[in-house]
């Protein structure tokens, strides 16, 4: 039991002296404010880039299942 206490004390000592780095958080206003049109363009581009390929695969899933040469 004393070996368990010693190992626990070593672990507790190691945890006590950890330093956490300070985050670099800036509270300044943005240098370039995006207009509503720019925001819409960026959001639409992200939507098409991320969800476009997955939507294509899901919409053609039955075609992929009926692929010629597939082992059944």
PDB file of N, CA and C in Angstrom:
ATOM      1  N   UNK A   1       0.817  -1.186   0.000  1.00  0.00           N
ATOM      2  CA  UNK A   1       0.000   0.000   0.000  1.00  0.00           C
ATOM      3  C   UNK A   1       0.866   1.258   0.000  1.00  0.00           C
ATOM      4  N   UNK A   2       2.036   1.200   0.624  1.00  0.00           N
ATOM      5  CA  UNK A   2       2.894   2.372   0.665  1.00  0.00           C
ATOM      6  C   UNK A   2       3.454   2.690  -0.722  1.00  0.00           C
ATOM      7  N   UNK A   3       3.640   1.667  -1.563  1.00  0.00           N
ATOM      8  CA  UNK A   3       4.107   1.914  -2.932  1.00  0.00           C
ATOM      9  C   UNK A   3       3.045   2.689  -3.710  1.00  0.00           C
ATOM     10  N   UNK A   4       1.804   2.372  -3.465  1.00  0.00           N
ATOM     11  CA  UNK A   4       0.718   3.087  -4.129  1.00  0.00           C
ATOM     12  C   UNK A   4       0.675   4.535  -3.655  1.00  0.00           C
ATOM     13  N   UNK A   5       0.862   4.760  -2.386  1.00  0.00           N
ATOM     14  CA  UNK A   5       0.880   6.132  -1.856  1.00  0.00           C
ATOM     15  C   UNK A   5       2.047   6.925  -2.421  1.00  0.00           C
ATOM     16  N   UNK A   6       3.216   6.287  -2.532  1.00  0.00           N
ATOM     17  CA  UNK A   6       4.383   6.983  -3.078  1.00  0.00           C
ATOM     18  C   UNK A   6       4.154   7.368  -4.535  1.00  0.00           C
ATOM     19  N   UNK A   7       3.609   6.438  -5.315  1.00  0.00           N
ATOM     20  CA  UNK A   7       3.369   6.751  -6.727  1.00  0.00           C
ATOM     21  C   UNK A   7       2.306   7.844  -6.860  1.00  0.00           C
ATOM     22  N   UNK A   8       1.311   7.810  -5.985  1.00  0.00           N
ATOM     23  CA  UNK A   8       0.291   8.854  -6.014  1.00  0.00           C
ATOM     24  C   UNK A   8       0.900  10.210  -5.662  1.00  0.00           C
ATOM     25  N   UNK A   9       1.796  10.251  -4.708  1.00  0.00           N
ATOM     26  CA  UNK A   9       2.456  11.506  -4.328  1.00  0.00           C
ATOM     27  C   UNK A   9       3.317  12.041  -5.469  1.00  0.00           C
ATOM     28  N   UNK A  10       3.993  11.147  -6.193  1.00  0.00           N
ATOM     29  CA  UNK A  10       4.788  11.591  -7.335  1.00  0.00           C
ATOM     30  C   UNK A  10       3.895  12.178  -8.423  1.00  0.00           C
ATOM     31  N   UNK A  11       2.773  11.524  -8.659  1.00  0.00           N
ATOM     32  CA  UNK A  11       1.848  12.009  -9.666  1.00  0.00           C
ATOM     33  C   UNK A  11       1.246  13.349  -9.257  1.00  0.00           C
ATOM     34  N   UNK A  12       0.891  13.476  -8.002  1.00  0.00           N
ATOM     35  CA  UNK A  12       0.314  14.725  -7.509  1.00  0.00           C
ATOM     36  C   UNK A  12       1.339  15.854  -7.587  1.00  0.00           C
ATOM     37  N   UNK A  13       2.591  15.573  -7.303  1.00  0.00           N
ATOM     38  CA  UNK A  13       3.638  16.583  -7.401  1.00  0.00           C
ATOM     39  C   UNK A  13       3.872  17.033  -8.828  1.00  0.00           C
ATOM     40  N   UNK A  14       3.799  16.097  -9.753  1.00  0.00           N
ATOM     41  CA  UNK A  14       3.978  16.462 -11.155  1.00  0.00           C
ATOM     42  C   UNK A  14       2.820  17.321 -11.649  1.00  0.00           C
ATOM     43  N   UNK A  15       1.627  17.060 -11.192  1.00  0.00           N
ATOM     44  CA  UNK A  15       0.463  17.818 -11.631  1.00  0.00           C
ATOM     45  C   UNK A  15       0.429  19.217 -11.010  1.00  0.00           C
ATOM     46  N   UNK A  16       1.022  19.381  -9.871  1.00  0.00           N
ATOM     47  CA  UNK A  16       0.965  20.651  -9.159  1.00  0.00           C
ATOM     48  C   UNK A  16       1.773  21.737  -9.867  1.00  0.00           C
ATOM     49  N   UNK A  17       2.861  21.374 -10.545  1.00  0.00           N
ATOM     50  CA  UNK A  17       3.781  22.368 -11.087  1.00  0.00           C
ATOM     51  C   UNK A  17       3.607  22.598 -12.579  1.00  0.00           C
ATOM     52  N   UNK A  18       2.483  22.248 -13.131  1.00  0.00           N
ATOM     53  CA  UNK A  18       2.267  22.500 -14.555  1.00  0.00           C
ATOM     54  C   UNK A  18       1.932  23.967 -14.769  1.00  0.00           C
ATOM     55  N   UNK A  19       2.525  24.533 -15.817  1.00  0.00           N
ATOM     56  CA  UNK A  19       2.205  25.908 -16.179  1.00  0.00           C
ATOM     57  C   UNK A  19       1.354  25.891 -17.431  1.00  0.00           C
ATOM     58  N   UNK A  20       0.382  26.756 -17.472  1.00  0.00           N
ATOM     59  CA  UNK A  20      -0.516  26.840 -18.610  1.00  0.00           C
ATOM     60  C   UNK A  20      -0.188  28.134 -19.349  1.00  0.00           C
ATOM     61  N   UNK A  21       0.128  28.033 -20.657  1.00  0.00           N
ATOM     62  CA  UNK A  21       0.461  29.255 -21.391  1.00  0.00           C
ATOM     63  C   UNK A  21      -0.749  30.167 -21.540  1.00  0.00           C
ATOM     64  N   UNK A  22      -0.476  31.441 -21.528  1.00  0.00           N
ATOM     65  CA  UNK A  22      -1.544  32.429 -21.658  1.00  0.00           C
ATOM     66  C   UNK A  22      -1.953  32.546 -23.122  1.00  0.00           C
ATOM     67  N   UNK A  23      -3.235  32.588 -23.376  1.00  0.00           N
ATOM     68  CA  UNK A  23      -3.737  32.687 -24.741  1.00  0.00           C
ATOM     69  C   UNK A  23      -3.532  34.103 -25.263  1.00  0.00           C
ATOM     70  N   UNK A  24      -3.223  34.193 -26.544  1.00  0.00           N
ATOM     71  CA  UNK A  24      -3.064  35.504 -27.176  1.00  0.00           C
ATOM     72  C   UNK A  24      -4.424  35.954 -27.709  1.00  0.00           C
ATOM     73  N   UNK A  25      -5.169  36.641 -26.884  1.00  0.00           N
ATOM     74  CA  UNK A  25      -6.498  37.110 -27.252  1.00  0.00           C
ATOM     75  C   UNK A  25      -6.435  38.616 -27.473  1.00  0.00           C
ATOM     76  N   UNK A  26      -6.906  39.026 -28.629  1.00  0.00           N
ATOM     77  CA  UNK A  26      -6.895  40.443 -28.963  1.00  0.00           C
ATOM     78  C   UNK A  26      -8.315  40.983 -28.909  1.00  0.00           C
ATOM     79  N   UNK A  27      -8.480  42.142 -28.333  1.00  0.00           N
ATOM     80  CA  UNK A  27      -9.809  42.749 -28.243  1.00  0.00           C
ATOM     81  C   UNK A  27      -9.935  43.940 -29.179  1.00  0.00           C
ATOM     82  N   UNK A  28      -9.026  44.043 -30.136  1.00  0.00           N
ATOM     83  CA  UNK A  28      -9.077  45.164 -31.069  1.00  0.00           C
ATOM     84  C   UNK A  28     -10.161  44.921 -32.115  1.00  0.00           C
ATOM     85  N   UNK A  29     -10.705  45.987 -32.690  1.00  0.00           N
ATOM     86  CA  UNK A  29     -11.678  45.805 -33.768  1.00  0.00           C
ATOM     87  C   UNK A  29     -10.973  45.261 -35.016  1.00  0.00           C
ATOM     88  N   UNK A  30     -11.720  44.633 -35.936  1.00  0.00           N
ATOM     89  CA  UNK A  30     -11.089  44.071 -37.131  1.00  0.00           C
ATOM     90  C   UNK A  30     -10.477  45.164 -38.007  1.00  0.00           C
ATOM     91  N   UNK A  31      -9.398  44.797 -38.703  1.00  0.00           N
ATOM     92  CA  UNK A  31      -8.745  45.767 -39.584  1.00  0.00           C
ATOM     93  C   UNK A  31      -9.568  46.023 -40.837  1.00  0.00           C
ATOM     94  N   UNK A  32     -10.261  44.977 -41.321  1.00  0.00           N
ATOM     95  CA  UNK A  32     -11.070  45.103 -42.533  1.00  0.00           C
ATOM     96  C   UNK A  32     -12.434  44.480 -42.252  1.00  0.00           C
ATOM     97  N   UNK A  33     -13.459  45.290 -42.257  1.00  0.00           N
ATOM     98  CA  UNK A  33     -14.809  44.805 -41.990  1.00  0.00           C
ATOM     99  C   UNK A  33     -15.384  44.232 -43.282  1.00  0.00           C
ATOM    100  N   UNK A  34     -15.908  42.997 -43.221  1.00  0.00           N
ATOM    101  CA  UNK A  34     -16.490  42.365 -44.395  1.00  0.00           C
ATOM    102  C   UNK A  34     -17.904  42.869 -44.614  1.00  0.00           C
ATOM    103  N   UNK A  35     -18.222  43.139 -45.877  1.00  0.00           N
ATOM    104  CA  UNK A  35     -19.575  43.575 -46.201  1.00  0.00           C
ATOM    105  C   UNK A  35     -20.506  42.363 -46.200  1.00  0.00           C
ATOM    106  N   UNK A  36     -21.798  42.626 -46.271  1.00  0.00           N
ATOM    107  CA  UNK A  36     -22.779  41.535 -46.267  1.00  0.00           C
ATOM    108  C   UNK A  36     -22.613  40.660 -47.503  1.00  0.00           C
ATOM    109  N   UNK A  37     -22.303  41.255 -48.635  1.00  0.00           N
ATOM    110  CA  UNK A  37     -22.097  40.483 -49.864  1.00  0.00           C
ATOM    111  C   UNK A  37     -20.904  39.545 -49.759  1.00  0.00           C
ATOM    112  N   UNK A  38     -19.811  40.022 -49.170  1.00  0.00           N
ATOM    113  CA  UNK A  38     -18.632  39.180 -48.980  1.00  0.00           C
ATOM    114  C   UNK A  38     -18.928  38.029 -48.027  1.00  0.00           C
ATOM    115  N   UNK A  39     -19.688  38.299 -46.984  1.00  0.00           N
ATOM    116  CA  UNK A  39     -20.045  37.241 -46.042  1.00  0.00           C
ATOM    117  C   UNK A  39     -20.914  36.186 -46.697  1.00  0.00           C
ATOM    118  N   UNK A  40     -21.881  36.602 -47.516  1.00  0.00           N
ATOM    119  CA  UNK A  40     -22.745  35.656 -48.217  1.00  0.00           C
ATOM    120  C   UNK A  40     -21.923  34.815 -49.181  1.00  0.00           C
ATOM    121  N   UNK A  41     -20.993  35.430 -49.908  1.00  0.00           N
ATOM    122  CA  UNK A  41     -20.150  34.699 -50.844  1.00  0.00           C
ATOM    123  C   UNK A  41     -19.307  33.644 -50.130  1.00  0.00           C
ATOM    124  N   UNK A  42     -18.708  34.016 -49.021  1.00  0.00           N
ATOM    125  CA  UNK A  42     -17.861  33.083 -48.275  1.00  0.00           C
ATOM    126  C   UNK A  42     -18.686  31.933 -47.706  1.00  0.00           C
ATOM    127  N   UNK A  43     -19.836  32.224 -47.146  1.00  0.00           N
ATOM    128  CA  UNK A  43     -20.676  31.167 -46.584  1.00  0.00           C
ATOM    129  C   UNK A  43     -21.178  30.217 -47.672  1.00  0.00           C
ATOM    130  N   UNK A  44     -21.575  30.758 -48.838  1.00  0.00           N
ATOM    131  CA  UNK A  44     -22.032  29.914 -49.938  1.00  0.00           C
ATOM    132  C   UNK A  44     -20.892  29.039 -50.458  1.00  0.00           C
ATOM    133  N   UNK A  45     -19.700  29.606 -50.563  1.00  0.00           N
ATOM    134  CA  UNK A  45     -18.544  28.833 -51.022  1.00  0.00           C
ATOM    135  C   UNK A  45     -18.221  27.706 -50.049  1.00  0.00           C
ATOM    136  N   UNK A  46     -18.252  27.991 -48.750  1.00  0.00           N
ATOM    137  CA  UNK A  46     -17.996  26.948 -47.756  1.00  0.00           C
ATOM    138  C   UNK A  46     -19.068  25.867 -47.812  1.00  0.00           C
ATOM    139  N   UNK A  47     -20.322  26.257 -47.982  1.00  0.00           N
ATOM    140  CA  UNK A  47     -21.427  25.309 -48.061  1.00  0.00           C
ATOM    141  C   UNK A  47     -21.231  24.363 -49.237  1.00  0.00           C
ATOM    142  N   UNK A  48     -20.945  24.922 -50.419  1.00  0.00           N
ATOM    143  CA  UNK A  48     -20.767  24.101 -51.618  1.00  0.00           C
ATOM    144  C   UNK A  48     -19.530  23.217 -51.490  1.00  0.00           C
ATOM    145  N   UNK A  49     -18.449  23.743 -50.937  1.00  0.00           N
ATOM    146  CA  UNK A  49     -17.207  22.991 -50.816  1.00  0.00           C
ATOM    147  C   UNK A  49     -17.337  21.829 -49.851  1.00  0.00           C
ATOM    148  N   UNK A  50     -18.018  22.027 -48.750  1.00  0.00           N
ATOM    149  CA  UNK A  50     -18.105  20.986 -47.725  1.00  0.00           C
ATOM    150  C   UNK A  50     -19.271  20.044 -47.980  1.00  0.00           C
ATOM    151  N   UNK A  51     -20.442  20.578 -48.257  1.00  0.00           N
ATOM    152  CA  UNK A  51     -21.630  19.742 -48.373  1.00  0.00           C
ATOM    153  C   UNK A  51     -21.903  19.266 -49.801  1.00  0.00           C
ATOM    154  N   UNK A  52     -21.304  19.888 -50.798  1.00  0.00           N
ATOM    155  CA  UNK A  52     -21.521  19.490 -52.181  1.00  0.00           C
ATOM    156  C   UNK A  52     -21.106  18.051 -52.468  1.00  0.00           C
ATOM    157  N   UNK A  53     -19.859  17.675 -52.201  1.00  0.00           N
ATOM    158  CA  UNK A  53     -19.445  16.296 -52.480  1.00  0.00           C
ATOM    159  C   UNK A  53     -20.234  15.245 -51.692  1.00  0.00           C
ATOM    160  N   UNK A  54     -20.534  15.510 -50.436  1.00  0.00           N
ATOM    161  CA  UNK A  54     -21.298  14.532 -49.658  1.00  0.00           C
ATOM    162  C   UNK A  54     -22.724  14.424 -50.177  1.00  0.00           C
ATOM    163  N   UNK A  55     -23.317  15.508 -50.612  1.00  0.00           N
ATOM    164  CA  UNK A  55     -24.645  15.459 -51.205  1.00  0.00           C
ATOM    165  C   UNK A  55     -24.647  14.685 -52.515  1.00  0.00           C
ATOM    166  N   UNK A  56     -23.580  14.864 -53.312  1.00  0.00           N
ATOM    167  CA  UNK A  56     -23.461  14.120 -54.571  1.00  0.00           C
ATOM    168  C   UNK A  56     -23.405  12.619 -54.297  1.00  0.00           C
ATOM    169  N   UNK A  57     -22.580  12.213 -53.369  1.00  0.00           N
ATOM    170  CA  UNK A  57     -22.447  10.786 -53.056  1.00  0.00           C
ATOM    171  C   UNK A  57     -23.770  10.233 -52.538  1.00  0.00           C
ATOM    172  N   UNK A  58     -24.418  10.944 -51.634  1.00  0.00           N
ATOM    173  CA  UNK A  58     -25.681  10.448 -51.091  1.00  0.00           C
ATOM    174  C   UNK A  58     -26.779  10.383 -52.142  1.00  0.00           C
ATOM    175  N   UNK A  59     -26.799  11.327 -53.062  1.00  0.00           N
ATOM    176  CA  UNK A  59     -27.840  11.300 -54.089  1.00  0.00           C
ATOM    177  C   UNK A  59     -27.596  10.217 -55.130  1.00  0.00           C
ATOM    178  N   UNK A  60     -26.364   9.764 -55.305  1.00  0.00           N
ATOM    179  CA  UNK A  60     -26.032   8.716 -56.268  1.00  0.00           C
ATOM    180  C   UNK A  60     -25.698   7.387 -55.591  1.00  0.00           C
ATOM    181  N   UNK A  61     -26.125   7.208 -54.368  1.00  0.00           N
ATOM    182  CA  UNK A  61     -25.791   6.002 -53.614  1.00  0.00           C
ATOM    183  C   UNK A  61     -26.336   4.739 -54.274  1.00  0.00           C
ATOM    184  N   UNK A  62     -27.541   4.800 -54.790  1.00  0.00           N
ATOM    185  CA  UNK A  62     -28.123   3.628 -55.456  1.00  0.00           C
ATOM    186  C   UNK A  62     -27.354   3.281 -56.723  1.00  0.00           C
ATOM    187  N   UNK A  63     -26.865   4.295 -57.438  1.00  0.00           N
ATOM    188  CA  UNK A  63     -26.059   4.031 -58.628  1.00  0.00           C
ATOM    189  C   UNK A  63     -24.757   3.331 -58.257  1.00  0.00           C
ATOM    190  N   UNK A  64     -24.161   3.702 -57.154  1.00  0.00           N
ATOM    191  CA  UNK A  64     -22.928   3.075 -56.723  1.00  0.00           C
ATOM    192  C   UNK A  64     -23.161   1.629 -56.291  1.00  0.00           C
ATOM    193  N   UNK A  65     -24.329   1.346 -55.741  1.00  0.00           N
ATOM    194  CA  UNK A  65     -24.637  -0.029 -55.337  1.00  0.00           C
ATOM    195  C   UNK A  65     -24.828  -0.934 -56.557  1.00  0.00           C
ATOM    196  N   UNK A  66     -25.360  -0.386 -57.660  1.00  0.00           N
ATOM    197  CA  UNK A  66     -25.636  -1.166 -58.870  1.00  0.00           C
ATOM    198  C   UNK A  66     -24.482  -1.119 -59.857  1.00  0.00           C
ATOM    199  N   UNK A  67     -23.312  -0.769 -59.423  1.00  0.00           N
ATOM    200  CA  UNK A  67     -22.140  -0.627 -60.283  1.00  0.00           C
ATOM    201  C   UNK A  67     -21.820  -1.955 -60.954  1.00  0.00           C
ATOM    202  N   UNK A  68     -21.561  -1.952 -62.261  1.00  0.00           N
ATOM    203  CA  UNK A  68     -21.194  -3.223 -62.918  1.00  0.00           C
ATOM    204  C   UNK A  68     -19.853  -3.726 -62.405  1.00  0.00           C
ATOM    205  N   UNK A  69     -19.752  -5.016 -62.229  1.00  0.00           N
ATOM    206  CA  UNK A  69     -18.521  -5.619 -61.735  1.00  0.00           C
ATOM    207  C   UNK A  69     -18.440  -5.696 -60.238  1.00  0.00           C
ATOM    208  N   UNK A  70     -19.463  -5.228 -59.556  1.00  0.00           N
ATOM    209  CA  UNK A  70     -19.454  -5.298 -58.093  1.00  0.00           C
ATOM    210  C   UNK A  70     -19.741  -6.730 -57.661  1.00  0.00           C
ATOM    211  N   UNK A  71     -19.034  -7.216 -56.687  1.00  0.00           N
ATOM    212  CA  UNK A  71     -19.239  -8.567 -56.171  1.00  0.00           C
ATOM    213  C   UNK A  71     -20.522  -8.596 -55.354  1.00  0.00           C
ATOM    214  N   UNK A  72     -21.367  -9.572 -55.679  1.00  0.00           N
ATOM    215  CA  UNK A  72     -22.624  -9.669 -54.942  1.00  0.00           C
ATOM    216  C   UNK A  72     -22.678 -10.937 -54.142  1.00  0.00           C
TER     217      UNK A  72
END
